[in-house]
Amino acid sequence: MEHLERIKERIEKGEKLARKSYTNKDGIAYARKQSKDKYLEIAKQTGSFELHKWSNEQRDSFFNTIILNYLDFESELADEGIKSKTEI
């Protein structure tokens, strides 16, 4: 837990964490498509398609949806052992 506290402190100070992960283009495309309904829902609530006009809670909710959809895709790949889009 001490390690998590150090990370939290670094983030609060505005430090960037080292990039150790990379994304999958297919996973990004999947997450974007799956997150469209959430985007339209919040845009309708706010009357704006501009993210900077949304509340922090709305932006967090939208980004959470994107991230969860991306992780769903990657988890499916890991569970099924699929290595390329040609096998999907």
N, C-alpha and C. Protein backbone atom coordinates (compact mmCIF):
# COMPACT_ATOMS: atom_id res chain seq x y z
N MET A 1 0.81 -1.21 0.00
CA MET A 1 0.00 0.00 0.00
C MET A 1 0.85 1.26 0.00
N GLU A 2 2.03 1.18 0.57
CA GLU A 2 2.91 2.35 0.58
C GLU A 2 3.26 2.77 -0.85
N HIS A 3 3.45 1.78 -1.71
CA HIS A 3 3.77 2.06 -3.11
C HIS A 3 2.63 2.83 -3.78
N LEU A 4 1.40 2.45 -3.51
CA LEU A 4 0.24 3.15 -4.07
C LEU A 4 0.18 4.59 -3.58
N GLU A 5 0.53 4.80 -2.33
CA GLU A 5 0.55 6.16 -1.77
C GLU A 5 1.60 7.02 -2.48
N ARG A 6 2.76 6.42 -2.76
CA ARG A 6 3.81 7.18 -3.47
C ARG A 6 3.35 7.55 -4.88
N ILE A 7 2.67 6.64 -5.55
CA ILE A 7 2.15 6.94 -6.88
C ILE A 7 1.12 8.05 -6.80
N LYS A 8 0.23 7.96 -5.82
CA LYS A 8 -0.80 9.00 -5.64
C LYS A 8 -0.15 10.36 -5.40
N GLU A 9 0.87 10.41 -4.59
CA GLU A 9 1.57 11.66 -4.31
C GLU A 9 2.20 12.23 -5.58
N ARG A 10 2.81 11.36 -6.39
CA ARG A 10 3.43 11.82 -7.64
C ARG A 10 2.39 12.40 -8.57
N ILE A 11 1.26 11.75 -8.67
CA ILE A 11 0.19 12.24 -9.54
C ILE A 11 -0.33 13.58 -9.03
N GLU A 12 -0.51 13.70 -7.72
CA GLU A 12 -1.00 14.96 -7.15
C GLU A 12 -0.03 16.10 -7.40
N LYS A 13 1.27 15.79 -7.49
CA LYS A 13 2.28 16.81 -7.79
C LYS A 13 2.34 17.14 -9.27
N GLY A 14 1.57 16.42 -10.06
CA GLY A 14 1.54 16.67 -11.50
C GLY A 14 2.59 15.90 -12.28
N GLU A 15 3.28 14.97 -11.64
CA GLU A 15 4.28 14.17 -12.34
C GLU A 15 3.60 13.17 -13.27
N LYS A 16 4.23 12.95 -14.42
CA LYS A 16 3.73 11.93 -15.34
C LYS A 16 4.37 10.59 -14.98
N LEU A 17 3.59 9.54 -15.11
CA LEU A 17 4.12 8.21 -14.88
C LEU A 17 4.79 7.72 -16.16
N ALA A 18 5.80 6.89 -16.01
CA ALA A 18 6.50 6.35 -17.18
C ALA A 18 5.54 5.46 -17.97
N ARG A 19 5.59 5.56 -19.29
CA ARG A 19 4.74 4.73 -20.14
C ARG A 19 5.36 3.35 -20.25
N LYS A 20 4.63 2.35 -19.80
CA LYS A 20 5.09 0.97 -19.86
C LYS A 20 4.11 0.09 -20.61
N SER A 21 3.02 0.67 -21.05
CA SER A 21 1.98 -0.07 -21.76
C SER A 21 1.72 0.56 -23.11
N TYR A 22 1.20 -0.25 -24.01
CA TYR A 22 0.84 0.23 -25.33
C TYR A 22 -0.54 -0.29 -25.69
N THR A 23 -1.21 0.41 -26.57
CA THR A 23 -2.57 0.04 -26.92
C THR A 23 -2.61 -0.76 -28.21
N ASN A 24 -3.75 -1.36 -28.42
CA ASN A 24 -4.02 -2.17 -29.60
C ASN A 24 -5.01 -1.38 -30.46
N LYS A 25 -4.68 -1.14 -31.73
CA LYS A 25 -5.56 -0.35 -32.60
C LYS A 25 -6.96 -0.95 -32.70
N ASP A 26 -7.04 -2.26 -32.77
CA ASP A 26 -8.35 -2.90 -32.85
C ASP A 26 -9.14 -2.68 -31.56
N GLY A 27 -8.45 -2.72 -30.44
CA GLY A 27 -9.10 -2.47 -29.15
C GLY A 27 -9.60 -1.04 -29.04
N ILE A 28 -8.82 -0.11 -29.56
CA ILE A 28 -9.23 1.30 -29.56
C ILE A 28 -10.48 1.48 -30.40
N ALA A 29 -10.49 0.88 -31.58
CA ALA A 29 -11.66 1.00 -32.46
C ALA A 29 -12.90 0.38 -31.80
N TYR A 30 -12.72 -0.76 -31.16
CA TYR A 30 -13.83 -1.42 -30.47
C TYR A 30 -14.36 -0.52 -29.35
N ALA A 31 -13.46 0.01 -28.53
CA ALA A 31 -13.86 0.86 -27.40
C ALA A 31 -14.59 2.11 -27.88
N ARG A 32 -14.08 2.71 -28.96
CA ARG A 32 -14.72 3.91 -29.51
C ARG A 32 -16.14 3.60 -29.95
N LYS A 33 -16.32 2.53 -30.69
CA LYS A 33 -17.65 2.16 -31.18
C LYS A 33 -18.60 1.83 -30.04
N GLN A 34 -18.10 1.09 -29.06
CA GLN A 34 -18.95 0.69 -27.94
C GLN A 34 -19.30 1.84 -27.01
N SER A 35 -18.51 2.91 -27.05
CA SER A 35 -18.71 4.04 -26.14
C SER A 35 -19.57 5.14 -26.75
N LYS A 36 -19.96 4.99 -27.99
CA LYS A 36 -20.72 6.03 -28.69
C LYS A 36 -22.03 6.37 -27.98
N ASP A 37 -22.76 5.36 -27.50
CA ASP A 37 -24.04 5.61 -26.83
C ASP A 37 -23.85 6.47 -25.57
N LYS A 38 -22.79 6.19 -24.82
CA LYS A 38 -22.51 6.97 -23.61
C LYS A 38 -22.20 8.42 -23.98
N TYR A 39 -21.42 8.62 -25.04
CA TYR A 39 -21.09 9.96 -25.52
C TYR A 39 -22.36 10.72 -25.90
N LEU A 40 -23.23 10.07 -26.66
CA LEU A 40 -24.47 10.73 -27.09
C LEU A 40 -25.39 11.00 -25.91
N GLU A 41 -25.41 10.11 -24.94
CA GLU A 41 -26.23 10.31 -23.73
C GLU A 41 -25.80 11.56 -22.98
N ILE A 42 -24.49 11.69 -22.77
CA ILE A 42 -23.99 12.86 -22.03
C ILE A 42 -24.14 14.13 -22.87
N ALA A 43 -23.91 14.04 -24.16
CA ALA A 43 -24.09 15.20 -25.04
C ALA A 43 -25.54 15.70 -24.97
N LYS A 44 -26.46 14.78 -24.92
CA LYS A 44 -27.88 15.15 -24.82
C LYS A 44 -28.17 15.81 -23.47
N GLN A 45 -27.59 15.27 -22.40
CA GLN A 45 -27.79 15.84 -21.05
C GLN A 45 -27.26 17.27 -20.97
N THR A 46 -26.11 17.49 -21.58
CA THR A 46 -25.45 18.79 -21.46
C THR A 46 -25.83 19.76 -22.57
N GLY A 47 -26.38 19.24 -23.65
CA GLY A 47 -26.67 20.09 -24.80
C GLY A 47 -25.42 20.46 -25.58
N SER A 48 -24.33 19.68 -25.36
CA SER A 48 -23.07 19.98 -26.04
C SER A 48 -22.32 18.70 -26.37
N PHE A 49 -21.72 18.69 -27.56
CA PHE A 49 -20.85 17.59 -27.95
C PHE A 49 -19.40 17.86 -27.56
N GLU A 50 -19.14 19.01 -26.94
CA GLU A 50 -17.79 19.41 -26.56
C GLU A 50 -17.48 18.95 -25.15
N LEU A 51 -16.51 18.05 -25.03
CA LEU A 51 -16.17 17.46 -23.73
C LEU A 51 -15.78 18.51 -22.70
N HIS A 52 -15.11 19.57 -23.12
CA HIS A 52 -14.67 20.57 -22.15
C HIS A 52 -15.84 21.32 -21.52
N LYS A 53 -17.03 21.18 -22.09
CA LYS A 53 -18.22 21.82 -21.50
C LYS A 53 -18.97 20.89 -20.55
N TRP A 54 -18.53 19.65 -20.47
CA TRP A 54 -19.15 18.68 -19.58
C TRP A 54 -18.57 18.84 -18.17
N SER A 55 -19.29 18.37 -17.17
CA SER A 55 -18.77 18.40 -15.80
C SER A 55 -17.67 17.35 -15.67
N ASN A 56 -16.85 17.48 -14.64
CA ASN A 56 -15.81 16.49 -14.40
C ASN A 56 -16.41 15.10 -14.23
N GLU A 57 -17.54 15.02 -13.55
CA GLU A 57 -18.19 13.73 -13.33
C GLU A 57 -18.63 13.11 -14.65
N GLN A 58 -19.16 13.93 -15.56
CA GLN A 58 -19.59 13.42 -16.86
C GLN A 58 -18.39 12.96 -17.70
N ARG A 59 -17.31 13.75 -17.67
CA ARG A 59 -16.10 13.34 -18.40
C ARG A 59 -15.53 12.04 -17.82
N ASP A 60 -15.49 11.97 -16.49
CA ASP A 60 -14.98 10.75 -15.84
C ASP A 60 -15.83 9.55 -16.22
N SER A 61 -17.12 9.73 -16.25
CA SER A 61 -18.03 8.64 -16.62
C SER A 61 -17.78 8.20 -18.06
N PHE A 62 -17.60 9.14 -18.95
CA PHE A 62 -17.34 8.83 -20.36
C PHE A 62 -16.00 8.11 -20.53
N PHE A 63 -14.94 8.65 -19.92
CA PHE A 63 -13.63 8.01 -20.04
C PHE A 63 -13.63 6.64 -19.39
N ASN A 64 -14.35 6.49 -18.29
CA ASN A 64 -14.47 5.19 -17.64
C ASN A 64 -15.10 4.18 -18.60
N THR A 65 -16.13 4.61 -19.32
CA THR A 65 -16.79 3.74 -20.29
C THR A 65 -15.82 3.31 -21.39
N ILE A 66 -15.05 4.26 -21.90
CA ILE A 66 -14.07 3.93 -22.95
C ILE A 66 -13.05 2.93 -22.43
N ILE A 67 -12.51 3.21 -21.26
CA ILE A 67 -11.48 2.33 -20.70
C ILE A 67 -12.03 0.94 -20.43
N LEU A 68 -13.22 0.85 -19.86
CA LEU A 68 -13.80 -0.46 -19.59
C LEU A 68 -14.05 -1.23 -20.88
N ASN A 69 -14.51 -0.55 -21.92
CA ASN A 69 -14.72 -1.23 -23.20
C ASN A 69 -13.39 -1.72 -23.78
N TYR A 70 -12.35 -0.92 -23.66
CA TYR A 70 -11.03 -1.33 -24.14
C TYR A 70 -10.54 -2.55 -23.35
N LEU A 71 -10.69 -2.51 -22.04
CA LEU A 71 -10.25 -3.63 -21.21
C LEU A 71 -11.07 -4.88 -21.48
N ASP A 72 -12.36 -4.72 -21.77
CA ASP A 72 -13.19 -5.87 -22.15
C ASP A 72 -12.62 -6.54 -23.40
N PHE A 73 -12.26 -5.72 -24.38
CA PHE A 73 -11.69 -6.24 -25.63
C PHE A 73 -10.39 -6.99 -25.35
N GLU A 74 -9.50 -6.37 -24.61
CA GLU A 74 -8.21 -6.99 -24.32
C GLU A 74 -8.37 -8.25 -23.46
N SER A 75 -9.30 -8.24 -22.54
CA SER A 75 -9.56 -9.43 -21.72
C SER A 75 -10.05 -10.58 -22.58
N GLU A 76 -10.91 -10.26 -23.53
CA GLU A 76 -11.41 -11.29 -24.45
C GLU A 76 -10.26 -11.88 -25.26
N LEU A 77 -9.37 -11.02 -25.74
CA LEU A 77 -8.20 -11.52 -26.47
C LEU A 77 -7.36 -12.43 -25.59
N ALA A 78 -7.13 -12.02 -24.37
CA ALA A 78 -6.32 -12.81 -23.46
C ALA A 78 -6.99 -14.15 -23.13
N ASP A 79 -8.28 -14.10 -22.89
CA ASP A 79 -9.02 -15.33 -22.54
C ASP A 79 -9.06 -16.31 -23.69
N GLU A 80 -9.19 -15.80 -24.91
CA GLU A 80 -9.35 -16.66 -26.08
C GLU A 80 -8.04 -16.93 -26.80
N GLY A 81 -6.99 -16.21 -26.42
CA GLY A 81 -5.70 -16.41 -27.07
C GLY A 81 -5.67 -15.89 -28.50
N ILE A 82 -6.54 -14.95 -28.81
CA ILE A 82 -6.59 -14.40 -30.17
C ILE A 82 -5.47 -13.39 -30.32
N LYS A 83 -4.72 -13.52 -31.40
CA LYS A 83 -3.55 -12.67 -31.58
C LYS A 83 -3.73 -11.59 -32.63
N SER A 84 -4.66 -11.74 -33.55
CA SER A 84 -4.82 -10.72 -34.58
C SER A 84 -6.29 -10.56 -34.95
N LYS A 85 -6.59 -9.46 -35.61
CA LYS A 85 -7.97 -9.20 -35.99
C LYS A 85 -8.47 -10.19 -37.02
N THR A 86 -7.56 -10.84 -37.72
CA THR A 86 -7.99 -11.82 -38.71
C THR A 86 -8.62 -13.03 -38.05
N GLU A 87 -8.35 -13.23 -36.78
CA GLU A 87 -8.92 -14.36 -36.07
C GLU A 87 -10.19 -14.00 -35.33
N ILE A 88 -10.56 -12.72 -35.33
CA ILE A 88 -11.74 -12.27 -34.58
C ILE A 88 -12.99 -12.62 -35.35
